[in-house]
Amino acid sequence: MNVTLNPDKENKVLRAAVSGNIDTTTSDQFEQELLPAITGCDAVEIDMTEVDYISSAGLRILLKLVQLCPATTIKNPNSVVKDVLEMTGMNSILTIA
């Protein structure tokens, strides 16, 4: 898994692009890279175009993220990731674009 952060400090938006799997093996890395970076942000946009799979461990991080920054948007999830978000009800918590 790889996380690329692109903070827009002027507009207080953190844009992140994630690739690979977000699962038990990589969720700690996902959390350690993403959560500290949201300090001072009013919104977070996570581009999941390149995410192949997300497990419950990854969903836990997204839930923690939306608790810390309610204006969190998941962008471009593929059909597998989108299905997981819908089946777990995360689509009612997160904004998906």
PDB file of N, CA and C in Angstrom:
ATOM      1  N   MET A   1       0.840  -1.171   0.000  1.00  0.00           N
ATOM      2  CA  MET A   1       0.000   0.000   0.000  1.00  0.00           C
ATOM      3  C   MET A   1       0.886   1.234   0.000  1.00  0.00           C
ATOM      4  N   ASN A   2       0.440   2.248  -0.716  1.00  0.00           N
ATOM      5  CA  ASN A   2       1.166   3.501  -0.781  1.00  0.00           C
ATOM      6  C   ASN A   2       0.185   4.649  -0.564  1.00  0.00           C
ATOM      7  N   VAL A   3       0.601   5.635   0.225  1.00  0.00           N
ATOM      8  CA  VAL A   3      -0.217   6.820   0.482  1.00  0.00           C
ATOM      9  C   VAL A   3       0.581   8.039   0.036  1.00  0.00           C
ATOM     10  N   THR A   4      -0.024   8.849  -0.828  1.00  0.00           N
ATOM     11  CA  THR A   4       0.594  10.097  -1.255  1.00  0.00           C
ATOM     12  C   THR A   4      -0.255  11.240  -0.722  1.00  0.00           C
ATOM     13  N   LEU A   5       0.354  12.092   0.084  1.00  0.00           N
ATOM     14  CA  LEU A   5      -0.365  13.201   0.702  1.00  0.00           C
ATOM     15  C   LEU A   5      -0.092  14.486  -0.069  1.00  0.00           C
ATOM     16  N   ASN A   6      -1.148  15.272  -0.265  1.00  0.00           N
ATOM     17  CA  ASN A   6      -1.030  16.559  -0.944  1.00  0.00           C
ATOM     18  C   ASN A   6      -1.851  17.582  -0.164  1.00  0.00           C
ATOM     19  N   PRO A   7      -1.270  18.133   0.901  1.00  0.00           N
ATOM     20  CA  PRO A   7      -2.026  19.095   1.712  1.00  0.00           C
ATOM     21  C   PRO A   7      -2.165  20.445   0.999  1.00  0.00           C
ATOM     22  N   ASP A   8      -3.359  20.998   1.060  1.00  0.00           N
ATOM     23  CA  ASP A   8      -3.638  22.340   0.551  1.00  0.00           C
ATOM     24  C   ASP A   8      -3.871  23.195   1.793  1.00  0.00           C
ATOM     25  N   LYS A   9      -2.795  23.748   2.322  1.00  0.00           N
ATOM     26  CA  LYS A   9      -2.874  24.476   3.593  1.00  0.00           C
ATOM     27  C   LYS A   9      -3.689  25.756   3.468  1.00  0.00           C
ATOM     28  N   GLU A  10      -3.673  26.363   2.292  1.00  0.00           N
ATOM     29  CA  GLU A  10      -4.436  27.596   2.091  1.00  0.00           C
ATOM     30  C   GLU A  10      -5.936  27.356   2.254  1.00  0.00           C
ATOM     31  N   ASN A  11      -6.425  26.247   1.697  1.00  0.00           N
ATOM     32  CA  ASN A  11      -7.849  25.920   1.777  1.00  0.00           C
ATOM     33  C   ASN A  11      -8.169  24.930   2.891  1.00  0.00           C
ATOM     34  N   LYS A  12      -7.149  24.523   3.642  1.00  0.00           N
ATOM     35  CA  LYS A  12      -7.297  23.586   4.754  1.00  0.00           C
ATOM     36  C   LYS A  12      -7.918  22.254   4.330  1.00  0.00           C
ATOM     37  N   VAL A  13      -7.424  21.745   3.191  1.00  0.00           N
ATOM     38  CA  VAL A  13      -7.889  20.467   2.657  1.00  0.00           C
ATOM     39  C   VAL A  13      -6.692  19.533   2.521  1.00  0.00           C
ATOM     40  N   LEU A  14      -6.851  18.321   3.000  1.00  0.00           N
ATOM     41  CA  LEU A  14      -5.837  17.300   2.785  1.00  0.00           C
ATOM     42  C   LEU A  14      -6.332  16.381   1.680  1.00  0.00           C
ATOM     43  N   ARG A  15      -5.554  16.279   0.629  1.00  0.00           N
ATOM     44  CA  ARG A  15      -5.862  15.341  -0.446  1.00  0.00           C
ATOM     45  C   ARG A  15      -4.862  14.197  -0.344  1.00  0.00           C
ATOM     46  N   ALA A  16      -5.384  12.985  -0.375  1.00  0.00           N
ATOM     47  CA  ALA A  16      -4.530  11.809  -0.278  1.00  0.00           C
ATOM     48  C   ALA A  16      -4.906  10.837  -1.384  1.00  0.00           C
ATOM     49  N   ALA A  17      -3.916  10.243  -1.994  1.00  0.00           N
ATOM     50  CA  ALA A  17      -4.133   9.186  -2.977  1.00  0.00           C
ATOM     51  C   ALA A  17      -3.568   7.900  -2.383  1.00  0.00           C
ATOM     52  N   VAL A  18      -4.375   6.854  -2.424  1.00  0.00           N
ATOM     53  CA  VAL A  18      -3.989   5.579  -1.834  1.00  0.00           C
ATOM     54  C   VAL A  18      -3.985   4.531  -2.934  1.00  0.00           C
ATOM     55  N   SER A  19      -3.013   3.622  -2.881  1.00  0.00           N
ATOM     56  CA  SER A  19      -2.969   2.525  -3.840  1.00  0.00           C
ATOM     57  C   SER A  19      -2.675   1.218  -3.115  1.00  0.00           C
ATOM     58  N   GLY A  20      -3.102   0.124  -3.715  1.00  0.00           N
ATOM     59  CA  GLY A  20      -2.877  -1.194  -3.135  1.00  0.00           C
ATOM     60  C   GLY A  20      -4.027  -1.629  -2.252  1.00  0.00           C
ATOM     61  N   ASN A  21      -3.740  -2.498  -1.300  1.00  0.00           N
ATOM     62  CA  ASN A  21      -4.740  -3.019  -0.374  1.00  0.00           C
ATOM     63  C   ASN A  21      -4.659  -2.292   0.963  1.00  0.00           C
ATOM     64  N   ILE A  22      -5.824  -1.999   1.532  1.00  0.00           N
ATOM     65  CA  ILE A  22      -5.884  -1.474   2.901  1.00  0.00           C
ATOM     66  C   ILE A  22      -6.484  -2.599   3.735  1.00  0.00           C
ATOM     67  N   ASP A  23      -5.619  -3.315   4.427  1.00  0.00           N
ATOM     68  CA  ASP A  23      -6.064  -4.497   5.162  1.00  0.00           C
ATOM     69  C   ASP A  23      -5.318  -4.590   6.491  1.00  0.00           C
ATOM     70  N   THR A  24      -5.400  -5.724   7.131  1.00  0.00           N
ATOM     71  CA  THR A  24      -4.770  -5.915   8.433  1.00  0.00           C
ATOM     72  C   THR A  24      -3.273  -5.630   8.382  1.00  0.00           C
ATOM     73  N   THR A  25      -2.647  -6.000   7.298  1.00  0.00           N
ATOM     74  CA  THR A  25      -1.205  -5.827   7.152  1.00  0.00           C
ATOM     75  C   THR A  25      -0.815  -4.363   6.969  1.00  0.00           C
ATOM     76  N   THR A  26      -1.661  -3.583   6.306  1.00  0.00           N
ATOM     77  CA  THR A  26      -1.287  -2.214   5.942  1.00  0.00           C
ATOM     78  C   THR A  26      -2.060  -1.127   6.691  1.00  0.00           C
ATOM     79  N   SER A  27      -3.057  -1.493   7.478  1.00  0.00           N
ATOM     80  CA  SER A  27      -3.902  -0.477   8.113  1.00  0.00           C
ATOM     81  C   SER A  27      -3.132   0.390   9.107  1.00  0.00           C
ATOM     82  N   ASP A  28      -2.144  -0.183   9.807  1.00  0.00           N
ATOM     83  CA  ASP A  28      -1.343   0.631  10.729  1.00  0.00           C
ATOM     84  C   ASP A  28      -0.578   1.710   9.973  1.00  0.00           C
ATOM     85  N   GLN A  29      -0.001   1.348   8.849  1.00  0.00           N
ATOM     86  CA  GLN A  29       0.713   2.318   8.018  1.00  0.00           C
ATOM     87  C   GLN A  29      -0.255   3.397   7.525  1.00  0.00           C
ATOM     88  N   PHE A  30      -1.434   2.976   7.067  1.00  0.00           N
ATOM     89  CA  PHE A  30      -2.464   3.902   6.586  1.00  0.00           C
ATOM     90  C   PHE A  30      -2.812   4.908   7.680  1.00  0.00           C
ATOM     91  N   GLU A  31      -3.022   4.405   8.889  1.00  0.00           N
ATOM     92  CA  GLU A  31      -3.365   5.264  10.018  1.00  0.00           C
ATOM     93  C   GLU A  31      -2.211   6.209  10.368  1.00  0.00           C
ATOM     94  N   GLN A  32      -1.011   5.689  10.432  1.00  0.00           N
ATOM     95  CA  GLN A  32       0.150   6.491  10.830  1.00  0.00           C
ATOM     96  C   GLN A  32       0.480   7.586   9.819  1.00  0.00           C
ATOM     97  N   GLU A  33       0.175   7.351   8.555  1.00  0.00           N
ATOM     98  CA  GLU A  33       0.455   8.372   7.544  1.00  0.00           C
ATOM     99  C   GLU A  33      -0.673   9.388   7.432  1.00  0.00           C
ATOM    100  N   LEU A  34      -1.901   8.938   7.549  1.00  0.00           N
ATOM    101  CA  LEU A  34      -3.045   9.807   7.269  1.00  0.00           C
ATOM    102  C   LEU A  34      -3.496  10.631   8.472  1.00  0.00           C
ATOM    103  N   LEU A  35      -3.677  10.010   9.611  1.00  0.00           N
ATOM    104  CA  LEU A  35      -4.276  10.726  10.740  1.00  0.00           C
ATOM    105  C   LEU A  35      -3.473  11.928  11.229  1.00  0.00           C
ATOM    106  N   PRO A  36      -2.155  11.839  11.364  1.00  0.00           N
ATOM    107  CA  PRO A  36      -1.422  13.037  11.792  1.00  0.00           C
ATOM    108  C   PRO A  36      -1.504  14.174  10.767  1.00  0.00           C
ATOM    109  N   ALA A  37      -1.673  13.824   9.504  1.00  0.00           N
ATOM    110  CA  ALA A  37      -1.686  14.830   8.439  1.00  0.00           C
ATOM    111  C   ALA A  37      -2.968  15.655   8.409  1.00  0.00           C
ATOM    112  N   ILE A  38      -4.018  15.209   9.103  1.00  0.00           N
ATOM    113  CA  ILE A  38      -5.281  15.961   9.053  1.00  0.00           C
ATOM    114  C   ILE A  38      -5.320  17.114  10.046  1.00  0.00           C
ATOM    115  N   THR A  39      -4.319  17.228  10.889  1.00  0.00           N
ATOM    116  CA  THR A  39      -4.273  18.319  11.855  1.00  0.00           C
ATOM    117  C   THR A  39      -4.367  19.656  11.131  1.00  0.00           C
ATOM    118  N   GLY A  40      -5.329  20.464  11.537  1.00  0.00           N
ATOM    119  CA  GLY A  40      -5.519  21.780  10.934  1.00  0.00           C
ATOM    120  C   GLY A  40      -6.336  21.778   9.659  1.00  0.00           C
ATOM    121  N   CYS A  41      -6.823  20.607   9.245  1.00  0.00           N
ATOM    122  CA  CYS A  41      -7.618  20.519   8.011  1.00  0.00           C
ATOM    123  C   CYS A  41      -9.110  20.592   8.328  1.00  0.00           C
ATOM    124  N   ASP A  42      -9.840  21.236   7.433  1.00  0.00           N
ATOM    125  CA  ASP A  42     -11.300  21.283   7.545  1.00  0.00           C
ATOM    126  C   ASP A  42     -11.956  20.199   6.708  1.00  0.00           C
ATOM    127  N   ALA A  43     -11.209  19.637   5.750  1.00  0.00           N
ATOM    128  CA  ALA A  43     -11.754  18.611   4.866  1.00  0.00           C
ATOM    129  C   ALA A  43     -10.638  17.665   4.440  1.00  0.00           C
ATOM    130  N   VAL A  44     -11.046  16.436   4.134  1.00  0.00           N
ATOM    131  CA  VAL A  44     -10.116  15.419   3.659  1.00  0.00           C
ATOM    132  C   VAL A  44     -10.744  14.760   2.427  1.00  0.00           C
ATOM    133  N   GLU A  45      -9.939  14.613   1.383  1.00  0.00           N
ATOM    134  CA  GLU A  45     -10.361  13.911   0.173  1.00  0.00           C
ATOM    135  C   GLU A  45      -9.392  12.759  -0.049  1.00  0.00           C
ATOM    136  N   ILE A  46      -9.925  11.546  -0.099  1.00  0.00           N
ATOM    137  CA  ILE A  46      -9.089  10.367  -0.295  1.00  0.00           C
ATOM    138  C   ILE A  46      -9.428   9.755  -1.648  1.00  0.00           C
ATOM    139  N   ASP A  47      -8.478   9.798  -2.551  1.00  0.00           N
ATOM    140  CA  ASP A  47      -8.656   9.202  -3.872  1.00  0.00           C
ATOM    141  C   ASP A  47      -8.315   7.723  -3.772  1.00  0.00           C
ATOM    142  N   MET A  48      -9.314   6.878  -4.014  1.00  0.00           N
ATOM    143  CA  MET A  48      -9.126   5.433  -3.910  1.00  0.00           C
ATOM    144  C   MET A  48      -9.165   4.752  -5.272  1.00  0.00           C
ATOM    145  N   THR A  49      -8.829   5.497  -6.320  1.00  0.00           N
ATOM    146  CA  THR A  49      -8.807   4.935  -7.668  1.00  0.00           C
ATOM    147  C   THR A  49      -7.955   3.683  -7.737  1.00  0.00           C
ATOM    148  N   GLU A  50      -6.825   3.681  -7.046  1.00  0.00           N
ATOM    149  CA  GLU A  50      -5.864   2.585  -7.122  1.00  0.00           C
ATOM    150  C   GLU A  50      -5.958   1.592  -5.960  1.00  0.00           C
ATOM    151  N   VAL A  51      -7.011   1.693  -5.137  1.00  0.00           N
ATOM    152  CA  VAL A  51      -7.185   0.738  -4.033  1.00  0.00           C
ATOM    153  C   VAL A  51      -7.903  -0.492  -4.571  1.00  0.00           C
ATOM    154  N   ASP A  52      -7.266  -1.644  -4.395  1.00  0.00           N
ATOM    155  CA  ASP A  52      -7.816  -2.899  -4.897  1.00  0.00           C
ATOM    156  C   ASP A  52      -8.781  -3.550  -3.910  1.00  0.00           C
ATOM    157  N   TYR A  53      -8.553  -3.314  -2.614  1.00  0.00           N
ATOM    158  CA  TYR A  53      -9.316  -4.029  -1.589  1.00  0.00           C
ATOM    159  C   TYR A  53      -9.234  -3.247  -0.288  1.00  0.00           C
ATOM    160  N   ILE A  54     -10.317  -3.259   0.486  1.00  0.00           N
ATOM    161  CA  ILE A  54     -10.295  -2.677   1.824  1.00  0.00           C
ATOM    162  C   ILE A  54     -10.977  -3.652   2.781  1.00  0.00           C
ATOM    163  N   SER A  55     -10.323  -3.927   3.894  1.00  0.00           N
ATOM    164  CA  SER A  55     -10.870  -4.858   4.891  1.00  0.00           C
ATOM    165  C   SER A  55     -11.474  -4.067   6.044  1.00  0.00           C
ATOM    166  N   SER A  56     -11.965  -4.790   7.032  1.00  0.00           N
ATOM    167  CA  SER A  56     -12.534  -4.132   8.211  1.00  0.00           C
ATOM    168  C   SER A  56     -11.485  -3.306   8.946  1.00  0.00           C
ATOM    169  N   ALA A  57     -10.232  -3.705   8.867  1.00  0.00           N
ATOM    170  CA  ALA A  57      -9.166  -2.918   9.495  1.00  0.00           C
ATOM    171  C   ALA A  57      -9.038  -1.553   8.816  1.00  0.00           C
ATOM    172  N   GLY A  58      -9.168  -1.525   7.509  1.00  0.00           N
ATOM    173  CA  GLY A  58      -9.142  -0.261   6.782  1.00  0.00           C
ATOM    174  C   GLY A  58     -10.376   0.573   7.054  1.00  0.00           C
ATOM    175  N   LEU A  59     -11.525  -0.081   7.163  1.00  0.00           N
ATOM    176  CA  LEU A  59     -12.778   0.625   7.474  1.00  0.00           C
ATOM    177  C   LEU A  59     -12.701   1.280   8.847  1.00  0.00           C
ATOM    178  N   ARG A  60     -12.025   0.616   9.781  1.00  0.00           N
ATOM    179  CA  ARG A  60     -11.857   1.174  11.122  1.00  0.00           C
ATOM    180  C   ARG A  60     -11.103   2.501  11.052  1.00  0.00           C
ATOM    181  N   ILE A  61     -10.092   2.571  10.203  1.00  0.00           N
ATOM    182  CA  ILE A  61      -9.319   3.810  10.053  1.00  0.00           C
ATOM    183  C   ILE A  61     -10.188   4.890   9.416  1.00  0.00           C
ATOM    184  N   LEU A  62     -10.984   4.528   8.419  1.00  0.00           N
ATOM    185  CA  LEU A  62     -11.876   5.508   7.798  1.00  0.00           C
ATOM    186  C   LEU A  62     -12.895   6.031   8.802  1.00  0.00           C
ATOM    187  N   LEU A  63     -13.401   5.155   9.661  1.00  0.00           N
ATOM    188  CA  LEU A  63     -14.345   5.582  10.685  1.00  0.00           C
ATOM    189  C   LEU A  63     -13.676   6.555  11.659  1.00  0.00           C
ATOM    190  N   LYS A  64     -12.477   6.237  12.075  1.00  0.00           N
ATOM    191  CA  LYS A  64     -11.732   7.128  12.966  1.00  0.00           C
ATOM    192  C   LYS A  64     -11.484   8.469  12.271  1.00  0.00           C
ATOM    193  N   LEU A  65     -11.166   8.416  10.997  1.00  0.00           N
ATOM    194  CA  LEU A  65     -10.904   9.632  10.228  1.00  0.00           C
ATOM    195  C   LEU A  65     -12.141  10.528  10.165  1.00  0.00           C
ATOM    196  N   VAL A  66     -13.298   9.945   9.885  1.00  0.00           N
ATOM    197  CA  VAL A  66     -14.520  10.750   9.773  1.00  0.00           C
ATOM    198  C   VAL A  66     -14.947  11.285  11.140  1.00  0.00           C
ATOM    199  N   GLN A  67     -14.596  10.598  12.205  1.00  0.00           N
ATOM    200  CA  GLN A  67     -14.873  11.119  13.546  1.00  0.00           C
ATOM    201  C   GLN A  67     -14.022  12.354  13.830  1.00  0.00           C
ATOM    202  N   LEU A  68     -12.787  12.345  13.340  1.00  0.00           N
ATOM    203  CA  LEU A  68     -11.881  13.477  13.546  1.00  0.00           C
ATOM    204  C   LEU A  68     -12.129  14.616  12.556  1.00  0.00           C
ATOM    205  N   CYS A  69     -12.576  14.272  11.354  1.00  0.00           N
ATOM    206  CA  CYS A  69     -12.835  15.271  10.315  1.00  0.00           C
ATOM    207  C   CYS A  69     -14.099  14.859   9.554  1.00  0.00           C
ATOM    208  N   PRO A  70     -15.266  15.325  10.008  1.00  0.00           N
ATOM    209  CA  PRO A  70     -16.526  14.924   9.376  1.00  0.00           C
ATOM    210  C   PRO A  70     -16.616  15.224   7.880  1.00  0.00           C
ATOM    211  N   ALA A  71     -15.879  16.209   7.401  1.00  0.00           N
ATOM    212  CA  ALA A  71     -15.911  16.544   5.973  1.00  0.00           C
ATOM    213  C   ALA A  71     -14.884  15.691   5.223  1.00  0.00           C
ATOM    214  N   THR A  72     -15.100  14.378   5.266  1.00  0.00           N
ATOM    215  CA  THR A  72     -14.215  13.433   4.590  1.00  0.00           C
ATOM    216  C   THR A  72     -14.939  12.872   3.381  1.00  0.00           C
ATOM    217  N   THR A  73     -14.258  12.884   2.244  1.00  0.00           N
ATOM    218  CA  THR A  73     -14.828  12.383   0.992  1.00  0.00           C
ATOM    219  C   THR A  73     -13.933  11.279   0.446  1.00  0.00           C
ATOM    220  N   ILE A  74     -14.559  10.188   0.044  1.00  0.00           N
ATOM    221  CA  ILE A  74     -13.866   9.100  -0.639  1.00  0.00           C
ATOM    222  C   ILE A  74     -14.144   9.288  -2.122  1.00  0.00           C
ATOM    223  N   LYS A  75     -13.077   9.406  -2.901  1.00  0.00           N
ATOM    224  CA  LYS A  75     -13.227   9.667  -4.325  1.00  0.00           C
ATOM    225  C   LYS A  75     -12.808   8.451  -5.149  1.00  0.00           C
ATOM    226  N   ASN A  76     -13.584   8.192  -6.185  1.00  0.00           N
ATOM    227  CA  ASN A  76     -13.254   7.187  -7.208  1.00  0.00           C
ATOM    228  C   ASN A  76     -13.029   5.766  -6.701  1.00  0.00           C
ATOM    229  N   PRO A  77     -13.844   5.268  -5.762  1.00  0.00           N
ATOM    230  CA  PRO A  77     -13.636   3.873  -5.353  1.00  0.00           C
ATOM    231  C   PRO A  77     -14.048   2.938  -6.493  1.00  0.00           C
ATOM    232  N   ASN A  78     -13.293   1.866  -6.687  1.00  0.00           N
ATOM    233  CA  ASN A  78     -13.700   0.895  -7.707  1.00  0.00           C
ATOM    234  C   ASN A  78     -14.913   0.120  -7.198  1.00  0.00           C
ATOM    235  N   SER A  79     -15.448  -0.752  -8.025  1.00  0.00           N
ATOM    236  CA  SER A  79     -16.694  -1.444  -7.660  1.00  0.00           C
ATOM    237  C   SER A  79     -16.523  -2.334  -6.428  1.00  0.00           C
ATOM    238  N   VAL A  80     -15.354  -2.937  -6.250  1.00  0.00           N
ATOM    239  CA  VAL A  80     -15.121  -3.807  -5.086  1.00  0.00           C
ATOM    240  C   VAL A  80     -15.135  -2.977  -3.806  1.00  0.00           C
ATOM    241  N   VAL A  81     -14.402  -1.879  -3.799  1.00  0.00           N
ATOM    242  CA  VAL A  81     -14.342  -1.016  -2.611  1.00  0.00           C
ATOM    243  C   VAL A  81     -15.706  -0.387  -2.356  1.00  0.00           C
ATOM    244  N   LYS A  82     -16.363   0.058  -3.409  1.00  0.00           N
ATOM    245  CA  LYS A  82     -17.687   0.669  -3.262  1.00  0.00           C
ATOM    246  C   LYS A  82     -18.680  -0.334  -2.670  1.00  0.00           C
ATOM    247  N   ASP A  83     -18.632  -1.587  -3.126  1.00  0.00           N
ATOM    248  CA  ASP A  83     -19.510  -2.629  -2.577  1.00  0.00           C
ATOM    249  C   ASP A  83     -19.265  -2.838  -1.088  1.00  0.00           C
ATOM    250  N   VAL A  84     -17.992  -2.864  -0.672  1.00  0.00           N
ATOM    251  CA  VAL A  84     -17.664  -3.037   0.747  1.00  0.00           C
ATOM    252  C   VAL A  84     -18.216  -1.859   1.553  1.00  0.00           C
ATOM    253  N   LEU A  85     -18.033  -0.637   1.043  1.00  0.00           N
ATOM    254  CA  LEU A  85     -18.545   0.543   1.742  1.00  0.00           C
ATOM    255  C   LEU A  85     -20.066   0.491   1.872  1.00  0.00           C
ATOM    256  N   GLU A  86     -20.749   0.020   0.832  1.00  0.00           N
ATOM    257  CA  GLU A  86     -22.209  -0.068   0.866  1.00  0.00           C
ATOM    258  C   GLU A  86     -22.688  -1.196   1.771  1.00  0.00           C
ATOM    259  N   MET A  87     -22.049  -2.368   1.691  1.00  0.00           N
ATOM    260  CA  MET A  87     -22.473  -3.517   2.502  1.00  0.00           C
ATOM    261  C   MET A  87     -22.290  -3.276   3.992  1.00  0.00           C
ATOM    262  N   THR A  88     -21.296  -2.470   4.344  1.00  0.00           N
ATOM    263  CA  THR A  88     -21.023  -2.206   5.753  1.00  0.00           C
ATOM    264  C   THR A  88     -21.746  -0.969   6.275  1.00  0.00           C
ATOM    265  N   GLY A  89     -22.408  -0.239   5.390  1.00  0.00           N
ATOM    266  CA  GLY A  89     -23.106   0.974   5.796  1.00  0.00           C
ATOM    267  C   GLY A  89     -22.205   2.195   5.901  1.00  0.00           C
ATOM    268  N   MET A  90     -20.946   2.040   5.527  1.00  0.00           N
ATOM    269  CA  MET A  90     -20.018   3.179   5.582  1.00  0.00           C
ATOM    270  C   MET A  90     -20.420   4.271   4.593  1.00  0.00           C
ATOM    271  N   ASN A  91     -21.170   3.900   3.563  1.00  0.00           N
ATOM    272  CA  ASN A  91     -21.603   4.897   2.585  1.00  0.00           C
ATOM    273  C   ASN A  91     -22.595   5.895   3.208  1.00  0.00           C
ATOM    274  N   SER A  92     -23.185   5.554   4.344  1.00  0.00           N
ATOM    275  CA  SER A  92     -24.078   6.497   5.018  1.00  0.00           C
ATOM    276  C   SER A  92     -23.306   7.418   5.968  1.00  0.00           C
ATOM    277  N   ILE A  93     -22.056   7.069   6.231  1.00  0.00           N
ATOM    278  CA  ILE A  93     -21.215   7.850   7.125  1.00  0.00           C
ATOM    279  C   ILE A  93     -20.259   8.743   6.324  1.00  0.00           C
ATOM    280  N   LEU A  94     -19.749   8.193   5.240  1.00  0.00           N
ATOM    281  CA  LEU A  94     -18.786   8.888   4.396  1.00  0.00           C
ATOM    282  C   LEU A  94     -19.460   9.468   3.165  1.00  0.00           C
ATOM    283  N   THR A  95     -18.900  10.540   2.642  1.00  0.00           N
ATOM    284  CA  THR A  95     -19.336  11.062   1.360  1.00  0.00           C
ATOM    285  C   THR A  95     -18.504  10.325   0.301  1.00  0.00           C
ATOM    286  N   ILE A  96     -19.181   9.744  -0.683  1.00  0.00           N
ATOM    287  CA  ILE A  96     -18.497   9.016  -1.736  1.00  0.00           C
ATOM    288  C   ILE A  96     -18.772   9.725  -3.058  1.00  0.00           C
ATOM    289  N   ALA A  97     -17.690  10.082  -3.733  1.00  0.00           N
ATOM    290  CA  ALA A  97     -17.814  10.802  -5.006  1.00  0.00           C
ATOM    291  C   ALA A  97     -17.135  10.032  -6.114  1.00  0.00           C
TER     292      ALA A  97
END
